[in-house]
Protein backbone atom coordinates (compact mmCIF):
# COMPACT_ATOMS: atom_id res chain seq x y z
CA MET A 1 -30.49 4.68 5.94
CA PHE A 2 -29.55 2.20 8.65
CA ASN A 3 -32.10 1.17 11.26
CA LYS A 4 -29.55 -0.03 13.81
CA ILE A 5 -25.81 0.56 14.32
CA LEU A 6 -23.45 -1.27 16.68
CA ILE A 7 -20.71 0.87 18.25
CA ALA A 8 -17.50 -1.14 18.58
CA ASN A 9 -15.92 1.18 21.13
CA ARG A 10 -16.27 2.65 24.60
CA GLY A 11 -15.97 5.92 26.54
CA GLU A 12 -16.66 9.37 25.17
CA ILE A 13 -16.49 8.39 21.49
CA ALA A 14 -19.15 5.71 21.98
CA VAL A 15 -21.37 8.29 23.71
CA ARG A 16 -20.64 10.76 20.90
CA ILE A 17 -21.70 8.27 18.22
CA ILE A 18 -24.86 7.25 20.11
CA ARG A 19 -25.96 10.90 20.29
CA SER A 20 -25.66 11.38 16.52
CA CYS A 21 -27.52 8.13 15.92
CA LYS A 22 -30.34 9.29 18.19
CA ASP A 23 -30.53 12.57 16.27
CA MET A 24 -30.91 10.55 13.09
CA GLY A 25 -33.53 8.17 14.52
CA ILE A 26 -31.14 5.20 14.35
CA LYS A 27 -31.19 2.57 17.11
CA THR A 28 -27.88 1.71 18.74
CA VAL A 29 -26.16 -1.32 20.21
CA ALA A 30 -23.39 -0.89 22.77
CA VAL A 31 -20.81 -3.60 23.37
CA TYR A 32 -18.83 -3.59 26.58
CA SER A 33 -16.29 -5.47 28.66
CA GLU A 34 -17.03 -6.72 32.16
CA ALA A 35 -15.11 -3.71 33.51
CA ASP A 36 -17.46 -1.33 31.65
CA SER A 37 -20.81 -2.82 32.68
CA GLU A 38 -21.92 0.46 34.29
CA SER A 39 -20.40 2.80 31.69
CA LEU A 40 -22.43 5.67 30.26
CA HIS A 41 -22.47 4.32 26.70
CA VAL A 42 -24.02 1.10 28.00
CA GLN A 43 -26.75 3.07 29.73
CA MET A 44 -27.47 5.30 26.73
CA ALA A 45 -27.70 2.70 23.97
CA ASP A 46 -30.97 0.97 23.03
CA GLU A 47 -29.31 -2.42 23.53
CA ALA A 48 -26.09 -3.55 25.18
CA LEU A 49 -24.12 -6.80 25.09
CA CYS A 50 -21.12 -7.90 27.11
CA ILE A 51 -18.44 -9.21 24.75
CA GLY A 52 -15.72 -10.31 27.16
CA PRO A 53 -13.54 -9.65 30.21
CA LYS A 54 -11.59 -6.47 31.03
CA ASP A 55 -8.62 -7.37 28.80
CA PRO A 56 -9.08 -5.42 25.52
CA SER A 57 -7.75 -8.34 23.47
CA LYS A 58 -10.63 -10.43 24.77
CA SER A 59 -13.33 -7.77 24.43
CA TYR A 60 -12.95 -4.57 22.38
CA LEU A 61 -10.38 -6.22 20.09
CA ASN A 62 -12.26 -9.53 19.93
CA ILE A 63 -13.50 -9.52 16.33
CA PRO A 64 -15.59 -12.75 16.50
CA SER A 65 -17.44 -11.47 19.59
CA ILE A 66 -18.19 -8.11 17.99
CA ILE A 67 -19.42 -9.67 14.74
CA SER A 68 -21.57 -12.11 16.74
CA ALA A 69 -23.06 -9.21 18.71
CA ALA A 70 -23.98 -7.45 15.44
CA GLU A 71 -25.60 -10.60 14.07
CA ILE A 72 -27.52 -11.34 17.29
CA THR A 73 -28.94 -7.81 17.44
CA ASP A 74 -29.57 -7.48 13.68
CA ALA A 75 -27.29 -4.44 13.46
CA GLU A 76 -26.79 -3.46 9.82
CA ALA A 77 -23.62 -1.46 10.40
CA ILE A 78 -20.71 -1.12 12.80
CA HIS A 79 -19.10 2.18 13.77
CA PRO A 80 -15.56 1.57 15.10
CA GLY A 81 -14.93 5.08 16.49
CA TYR A 82 -11.18 5.63 16.88
CA GLY A 83 -8.55 3.34 18.35
CA PHE A 84 -9.17 -0.39 18.91
CA LEU A 85 -10.32 -1.78 15.53
CA ALA A 86 -10.95 1.51 13.71
CA GLU A 87 -7.97 1.09 11.36
CA ASN A 88 -7.81 -2.69 11.30
CA PRO A 89 -8.20 -3.80 7.65
CA ARG A 90 -8.96 -7.39 8.66
CA PHE A 91 -11.91 -6.24 10.77
CA ALA A 92 -13.23 -4.08 7.92
CA GLU A 93 -12.83 -6.99 5.51
CA ILE A 94 -14.70 -9.38 7.83
CA CYS A 95 -17.54 -6.84 8.09
CA GLU A 96 -17.66 -6.69 4.29
CA THR A 97 -17.71 -10.50 4.04
CA CYS A 98 -20.51 -10.73 6.60
CA HIS A 99 -22.53 -8.04 4.76
CA ILE A 100 -22.31 -5.70 7.76
CA LYS A 101 -21.54 -2.14 6.73
CA PHE A 102 -18.27 -0.87 8.15
CA ILE A 103 -18.67 2.86 8.79
CA GLY A 104 -15.42 3.99 7.26
CA PRO A 105 -13.46 3.41 4.06
CA SER A 106 -12.90 0.03 2.41
CA SER A 107 -10.53 -2.55 3.87
CA SER A 108 -8.17 -2.07 0.90
CA ILE A 109 -7.88 1.68 1.57
CA ILE A 110 -7.27 1.09 5.27
CA LYS A 111 -4.59 -1.47 4.45
CA SER A 112 -2.76 0.76 1.97
CA MET A 113 -2.66 3.73 4.35
CA GLY A 114 -1.93 1.57 7.39
CA ASP A 115 1.42 0.51 5.94
CA LYS A 116 3.40 3.75 6.16
CA VAL A 117 5.95 2.66 3.56
CA ILE A 118 3.25 1.83 1.00
CA ALA A 119 1.46 5.08 1.86
CA ARG A 120 4.67 7.05 1.18
CA GLN A 121 5.11 5.27 -2.16
CA ILE A 122 1.52 6.01 -3.22
CA MET A 123 1.78 9.67 -2.25
CA LYS A 124 5.14 10.19 -3.90
CA LYS A 125 3.81 8.66 -7.13
CA ALA A 126 0.81 11.02 -6.94
CA GLY A 127 3.11 14.03 -6.64
CA VAL A 128 2.43 14.64 -2.95
CA SER A 129 5.46 16.01 -1.09
CA THR A 130 6.88 13.50 1.41
CA VAL A 131 9.65 13.74 4.01
CA PRO A 132 12.95 12.68 2.37
CA GLY A 133 13.64 9.08 3.32
CA THR A 134 13.78 5.44 2.32
CA GLU A 135 11.70 4.02 -0.50
CA TYR A 136 11.04 0.69 1.20
CA GLY A 137 10.95 -0.86 4.66
CA VAL A 138 13.78 -2.82 6.27
CA GLU A 139 14.20 -5.36 9.05
CA ASN A 140 18.00 -5.46 9.10
CA ASP A 141 19.76 -2.90 11.31
CA HIS A 142 22.91 -2.55 9.19
CA GLU A 143 20.90 -2.05 6.01
CA ALA A 144 18.90 0.60 7.84
CA LEU A 145 22.13 2.33 8.90
CA GLU A 146 23.21 2.54 5.27
CA MET A 147 19.87 4.19 4.49
CA ALA A 148 20.41 6.66 7.33
CA HIS A 149 23.75 7.65 5.79
CA LYS A 150 22.05 8.35 2.47
CA VAL A 151 19.29 10.41 4.11
CA GLY A 152 21.68 12.24 6.42
CA PHE A 153 21.52 12.64 10.22
CA PRO A 154 19.47 13.45 12.20
CA VAL A 155 16.94 10.81 11.15
CA MET A 156 13.69 9.39 12.42
CA ILE A 157 13.21 5.62 12.62
CA LYS A 158 9.53 4.68 12.24
CA ALA A 159 7.44 1.53 12.33
CA ALA A 160 5.97 0.69 8.92
CA GLY A 161 2.90 -0.95 10.42
CA GLY A 162 1.57 1.64 12.85
CA GLY A 163 1.59 5.07 14.41
CA GLY A 164 0.73 6.84 17.65
CA GLY A 165 4.38 7.22 18.58
CA LYS A 166 5.00 3.48 18.81
CA GLY A 167 8.21 2.20 17.20
CA MET A 168 9.64 5.69 16.69
CA ARG A 169 13.11 6.95 17.60
CA ILE A 170 15.08 10.11 16.77
CA VAL A 171 18.76 9.40 16.03
CA HIS A 172 21.48 12.02 15.69
CA THR A 173 24.64 9.91 15.24
CA ASP A 174 25.98 6.59 13.97
CA ALA A 175 26.92 5.55 17.48
CA SER A 176 23.34 5.49 18.77
CA PHE A 177 21.65 4.21 15.61
CA LEU A 178 21.83 0.44 16.10
CA ASN A 179 20.51 0.52 19.68
CA ALA A 180 17.70 2.88 18.64
CA PHE A 181 16.82 0.61 15.70
CA MET A 182 16.58 -2.47 17.92
CA ALA A 183 14.48 -0.63 20.50
CA ALA A 184 12.11 0.71 17.81
CA GLN A 185 11.84 -2.72 16.19
CA SER A 186 11.05 -4.42 19.50
CA GLU A 187 8.30 -1.87 20.17
CA ALA A 188 6.94 -2.24 16.62
CA ILE A 189 6.72 -6.02 17.01
CA SER A 190 4.92 -5.81 20.36
CA SER A 191 2.54 -3.05 19.19
CA PHE A 192 1.85 -4.01 15.56
CA ASP A 193 3.27 -7.53 15.15
CA ASN A 194 5.38 -6.13 12.31
CA PRO A 195 9.20 -5.82 12.48
CA CYS A 196 9.48 -3.66 9.36
CA LEU A 197 10.84 -0.14 9.86
CA TYR A 198 11.77 2.78 7.63
CA VAL A 199 14.07 5.78 7.92
CA GLU A 200 13.29 9.39 7.06
CA LYS A 201 14.91 12.78 7.58
CA PHE A 202 14.13 14.28 11.00
CA VAL A 203 12.40 17.63 10.57
CA GLU A 204 13.56 19.94 13.39
CA ASN A 205 10.84 21.69 15.43
CA PRO A 206 8.01 21.27 12.91
CA ARG A 207 4.36 22.10 13.29
CA HIS A 208 1.92 19.21 12.98
CA VAL A 209 -0.85 20.40 10.66
CA GLU A 210 -3.64 18.21 9.33
CA PHE A 211 -6.59 18.58 6.98
CA GLN A 212 -9.97 16.99 7.55
CA ILE A 213 -11.16 15.50 4.29
CA MET A 214 -14.50 13.94 3.38
CA GLY A 215 -15.40 11.92 0.32
CA ASP A 216 -18.37 9.91 -0.88
CA THR A 217 -18.65 6.79 -3.04
CA PHE A 218 -19.50 8.95 -6.07
CA GLY A 219 -15.96 10.33 -6.31
CA ASN A 220 -16.61 13.68 -4.63
CA ILE A 221 -13.91 14.81 -2.19
CA ILE A 222 -13.71 18.06 -0.21
CA HIS A 223 -11.79 19.32 2.81
CA LEU A 224 -13.26 20.79 5.97
CA GLY A 225 -10.40 23.03 6.98
CA ASP A 226 -7.18 22.46 8.87
CA ARG A 227 -6.11 21.76 12.44
CA ASP A 228 -2.88 22.38 14.32
CA CYS A 229 -1.93 19.44 16.57
CA SER A 230 1.59 20.52 17.51
CA ILE A 231 1.04 20.45 21.28
CA GLN A 232 1.91 16.83 21.98
CA ARG A 233 3.88 14.67 24.38
CA ARG A 234 5.70 11.59 23.14
CA TYR A 235 3.87 11.94 19.82
CA GLN A 236 0.49 11.90 21.61
CA LYS A 237 -1.63 14.99 20.95
CA LEU A 238 -2.77 17.04 23.96
CA ILE A 239 -4.25 20.21 22.44
CA GLU A 240 -5.65 20.78 18.95
CA GLU A 241 -7.08 23.85 17.30
CA SER A 242 -8.74 24.97 14.09
CA PRO A 243 -7.73 26.85 12.05
CA ALA A 244 -3.95 26.41 12.37
CA PRO A 245 -2.51 29.77 13.52
CA PHE A 246 0.68 29.69 11.39
CA LEU A 247 -0.96 29.29 7.98
CA ASP A 248 -1.54 32.26 5.72
CA LYS A 249 -4.17 32.13 2.96
CA ASN A 250 -1.75 31.09 0.22
CA LEU A 251 -0.10 28.32 2.25
CA ARG A 252 -3.46 27.05 3.47
CA GLU A 253 -4.78 26.77 -0.07
CA LYS A 254 -1.65 24.93 -1.26
CA MET A 255 -1.75 22.42 1.59
CA ALA A 256 -5.50 21.90 1.22
CA LYS A 257 -5.05 21.17 -2.48
CA MET A 258 -2.34 18.62 -1.69
CA ALA A 259 -4.58 16.97 0.93
CA ILE A 260 -7.31 16.57 -1.68
CA GLU A 261 -4.78 15.13 -4.16
CA ALA A 262 -3.65 12.65 -1.51
CA ALA A 263 -7.23 11.49 -0.98
CA LYS A 264 -7.89 11.26 -4.72
CA ALA A 265 -4.78 9.12 -5.18
CA ILE A 266 -6.52 6.26 -3.34
CA ASN A 267 -10.13 7.04 -4.36
CA TYR A 268 -10.90 7.81 -0.74
CA PHE A 269 -14.39 7.88 0.74
CA SER A 270 -15.70 8.49 4.30
CA LEU A 271 -14.00 10.85 6.76
CA GLY A 272 -10.21 10.93 6.85
CA THR A 273 -7.31 13.09 7.89
CA VAL A 274 -4.22 13.95 5.87
CA GLU A 275 -1.37 14.87 8.22
CA PHE A 276 1.62 17.07 7.37
CA LEU A 277 4.82 18.26 8.98
CA LEU A 278 5.40 21.97 8.39
CA ASP A 279 8.89 23.38 8.98
CA GLU A 280 9.94 26.91 9.90
CA GLU A 281 10.51 27.81 6.22
CA LYS A 282 6.93 26.77 5.41
CA ASN A 283 7.96 23.59 3.61
CA TYR A 284 5.34 20.91 4.16
CA TYR A 285 5.56 17.14 3.90
CA PHE A 286 2.97 14.37 3.91
CA MET A 287 3.33 12.33 7.09
CA GLU A 288 0.40 9.90 7.12
CA MET A 289 -3.30 9.52 6.49
CA ASN A 290 -5.70 8.44 9.21
CA THR A 291 -8.66 6.49 7.83
CA ARG A 292 -11.07 7.11 10.72
CA ILE A 293 -12.71 9.85 12.69
CA GLN A 294 -10.13 11.70 14.79
CA VAL A 295 -10.18 12.39 18.52
CA GLU A 296 -9.96 16.08 17.62
CA HIS A 297 -12.91 16.15 15.21
CA PRO A 298 -14.99 18.46 17.51
CA VAL A 299 -12.86 21.53 16.67
CA THR A 300 -13.72 21.04 13.01
CA GLU A 301 -17.39 20.65 13.92
CA MET A 302 -17.28 23.90 15.86
CA VAL A 303 -15.88 25.96 12.98
CA THR A 304 -17.91 24.30 10.20
CA GLY A 305 -21.22 23.68 11.99
CA LEU A 306 -21.30 20.11 10.62
CA ASP A 307 -21.91 16.90 12.58
CA LEU A 308 -19.06 14.76 11.25
CA VAL A 309 -20.41 11.51 12.69
CA LYS A 310 -23.70 12.08 10.88
CA GLU A 311 -21.84 12.77 7.64
CA GLN A 312 -19.78 9.62 8.12
CA ILE A 313 -22.92 7.52 8.63
CA ARG A 314 -24.66 9.05 5.59
CA ILE A 315 -21.69 8.28 3.36
CA ALA A 316 -21.55 4.69 4.65
CA ALA A 317 -25.25 4.36 3.80
CA GLY A 318 -24.44 5.24 0.18
CA LYS A 319 -25.66 8.83 0.24
CA LYS A 320 -24.10 11.48 -1.97
CA MET A 321 -22.48 14.40 -0.16
CA PRO A 322 -24.77 17.43 -0.32
CA TYR A 323 -21.78 19.81 -0.19
CA LYS A 324 -19.35 21.31 -2.65
CA GLN A 325 -16.10 22.90 -1.50
CA SER A 326 -17.65 26.35 -1.93
CA ASP A 327 -20.37 25.40 0.58
CA ILE A 328 -17.87 24.95 3.42
CA LYS A 329 -17.54 28.17 5.39
CA LEU A 330 -15.34 28.34 8.49
CA SER A 331 -16.48 30.51 11.38
CA GLY A 332 -14.26 31.62 14.26
CA HIS A 333 -11.66 29.57 16.09
CA SER A 334 -11.88 26.40 18.21
CA ILE A 335 -9.52 24.70 20.67
CA GLU A 336 -9.70 21.23 22.24
CA CYS A 337 -7.94 20.08 25.42
CA ARG A 338 -7.74 16.34 26.06
CA ILE A 339 -8.41 15.80 29.75
CA ASN A 340 -6.72 12.61 30.91
CA ALA A 341 -6.88 10.74 34.21
CA GLU A 342 -3.18 11.22 34.80
CA ASN A 343 -0.86 12.90 37.26
CA PRO A 344 -0.23 16.36 35.75
CA LYS A 345 3.50 16.21 36.61
CA THR A 346 4.48 12.58 35.90
CA PHE A 347 1.65 11.68 33.47
CA ARG A 348 1.19 8.37 35.26
CA PRO A 349 -2.38 7.02 34.83
CA CYS A 350 -4.63 7.66 37.83
CA PRO A 351 -7.67 5.37 37.64
CA GLY A 352 -10.24 5.49 40.42
CA LYS A 353 -13.72 6.57 41.44
CA ILE A 354 -15.05 10.05 40.73
CA HIS A 355 -16.55 11.24 44.04
CA ASP A 356 -17.51 14.73 42.94
CA PHE A 357 -17.25 16.77 39.77
CA HIS A 358 -18.45 19.92 38.07
CA LEU A 359 -18.40 20.29 34.31
CA PRO A 360 -17.81 23.74 32.77
CA GLY A 361 -20.37 25.47 30.61
CA GLY A 362 -21.34 28.84 29.21
CA LEU A 363 -21.23 30.37 25.76
CA GLY A 364 -18.72 28.77 23.41
CA ILE A 365 -17.97 25.73 25.58
CA ARG A 366 -18.59 22.07 24.71
CA ILE A 367 -17.55 18.96 26.57
CA ASP A 368 -17.51 15.40 25.22
CA THR A 369 -17.26 12.90 28.06
CA ALA A 370 -18.58 9.65 29.50
CA ILE A 371 -17.92 10.44 33.17
CA TYR A 372 -20.65 10.83 35.78
CA LEU A 373 -20.90 11.03 39.57
CA ASN A 374 -19.45 7.94 41.30
CA CYS A 375 -18.38 6.34 38.03
CA GLN A 376 -15.25 4.21 38.03
CA ILE A 377 -12.32 5.03 35.73
CA PRO A 378 -10.77 1.62 34.99
CA PRO A 379 -7.01 1.09 34.62
CA PHE A 380 -7.27 -1.14 31.57
CA TYR A 381 -7.88 1.40 28.79
CA ASP A 382 -6.84 4.81 27.48
CA SER A 383 -6.79 7.48 30.21
CA LEU A 384 -8.83 10.05 28.23
CA ILE A 385 -11.90 11.00 30.29
CA ALA A 386 -13.09 14.17 28.57
CA LYS A 387 -12.53 16.48 25.63
CA LEU A 388 -13.01 20.13 26.52
CA ILE A 389 -13.71 22.31 23.49
CA SER A 390 -13.98 26.09 23.23
CA HIS A 391 -15.11 28.29 20.36
CA GLY A 392 -14.77 32.01 19.85
CA LYS A 393 -14.93 34.65 17.15
CA ASP A 394 -11.11 34.53 16.99
CA ARG A 395 -8.20 32.65 18.58
CA LYS A 396 -7.89 35.03 21.54
CA GLU A 397 -11.53 34.56 22.50
CA ALA A 398 -11.24 30.78 22.14
CA ILE A 399 -8.18 30.82 24.44
CA ASP A 400 -9.90 33.06 27.00
CA ARG A 401 -12.95 30.80 27.07
CA MET A 402 -10.78 27.69 27.40
CA ARG A 403 -8.95 29.23 30.37
CA ARG A 404 -12.26 29.99 32.03
CA ALA A 405 -13.58 26.48 31.35
CA LEU A 406 -10.43 24.83 32.75
CA ASP A 407 -10.87 26.85 35.94
CA GLU A 408 -14.50 25.67 36.21
CA PHE A 409 -13.73 22.00 35.57
CA HIS A 410 -13.63 20.15 38.90
CA CYS A 411 -13.05 16.41 39.27
CA ASP A 412 -12.53 14.90 42.74
CA GLY A 413 -11.32 11.35 43.38
CA ILE A 414 -8.77 11.10 40.58
CA GLU A 415 -5.91 13.25 39.33
CA THR A 416 -6.27 14.88 35.91
CA THR A 417 -4.14 16.85 33.47
CA ILE A 418 -6.23 20.01 33.94
CA PRO A 419 -3.42 21.89 35.78
CA PHE A 420 -1.02 21.07 32.95
CA HIS A 421 -3.45 22.41 30.36
CA ARG A 422 -3.79 25.62 32.39
CA GLU A 423 -0.01 26.00 32.31
CA ILE A 424 0.06 25.61 28.53
CA LEU A 425 -2.86 27.99 27.90
CA ASN A 426 -1.21 30.64 30.09
CA HIS A 427 2.18 30.37 28.39
CA PRO A 428 2.95 33.49 26.28
CA ASN A 429 4.32 31.42 23.39
CA PHE A 430 1.05 29.54 23.12
CA SER A 431 -0.93 32.78 23.21
CA ASN A 432 1.26 34.16 20.42
CA GLY A 433 0.90 31.02 18.30
CA MET A 434 4.62 30.25 18.62
CA ILE A 435 4.18 26.48 18.88
CA ASN A 436 5.78 23.36 17.45
CA THR A 437 6.02 19.68 18.33
CA ASN A 438 8.89 20.42 20.75
CA PHE A 439 6.79 22.85 22.81
CA ILE A 440 6.09 20.42 25.68
CA ASN A 441 9.72 19.28 25.91
CA VAL A 442 10.88 22.90 26.31
CA LEU A 443 8.09 23.62 28.81
CA THR A 444 8.88 20.61 31.02
CA ASP A 445 12.63 21.34 30.87
CA GLN A 446 11.93 24.87 32.14
CA THR A 447 9.82 23.57 35.03
């Protein structure tokens, strides 16, 4: 097992990783930008090094500085968390070259799943159902339009080199296709430095359902249940829950089997997530595979009782998984609300100083956060300040506890999305499980 791990991240995920390391008796190294010198993860770690100014490209995305910090502190491994360098194959490859263990899959796996076109090709060859679409990526708008005609409108234009809603456009007609293509390509270049796009059939009002998978370096792969991530705005998830409310036993088993097949197709190891689109007729299609720990991993922890960060570290250390699929038992229902420092009406970021706050508690409530009294929320990074998680014996109890926790959560000095989450949790369609990826658009149109 590792003696010391460097966390190449910030905020609540850095705090989350440090806690698991402490539970395992592993020393930790925090890296931070000048803007984060007083952050909680810096205070909690055994050691901390400043790696650059506030600009992420010069600090949290600065690979030479992070590698140097690991070498200076004799860290044997680096945990990338999510975001920043977590799915950067070059970073993983440099760690491998420097004999520093990257806590995640190999650079080759990250690379193959990071290119969405290649990922589609691999999955289709393995017999995994994919959304009907192009077989290869394109950079030419007129060639892409020909592909759209073959697929049939409406279509989705997507960036081959990334995700997170960047470089994506829905197109319903010929007339708007070329402008949408150019806009998506411009965004793909600025976000991923890759002009390649692909076209696939647009699935109307789908549910976004994903399966948490876990594999070791001995070829063992299992799943840890499913999550519904349909409540999202501009392709950014806001609320996640486990298990997904729409799945019956038969459908769940079929999708889980396909998720395992997807992971086996690339000899996957570490934690990962296989994401599907599920339409109203219960047809499901592979969308992408995330090769890192997810923001929403706590809901899986709540229903399985497993510490996923610990499992991730053990696998990276070469340990064999102590679980078979039959060992995984799901208990109850869990929901996560992402609390962002944003205006709840306009969703504009609201950085600032937290003058007063009260965190919720009680039975069935967990909160993952890095905020504290008088801490400063900087404007340079993601606006996520806390993940509020509830757990209950069933979905109703999890919803009731989440409503109570949202009412208890008080944060003075900045605006947050708590009022918006209250609105969603109190909506009858959410209570009835009648959700899809268009839920927020309908809700905001009504208000």
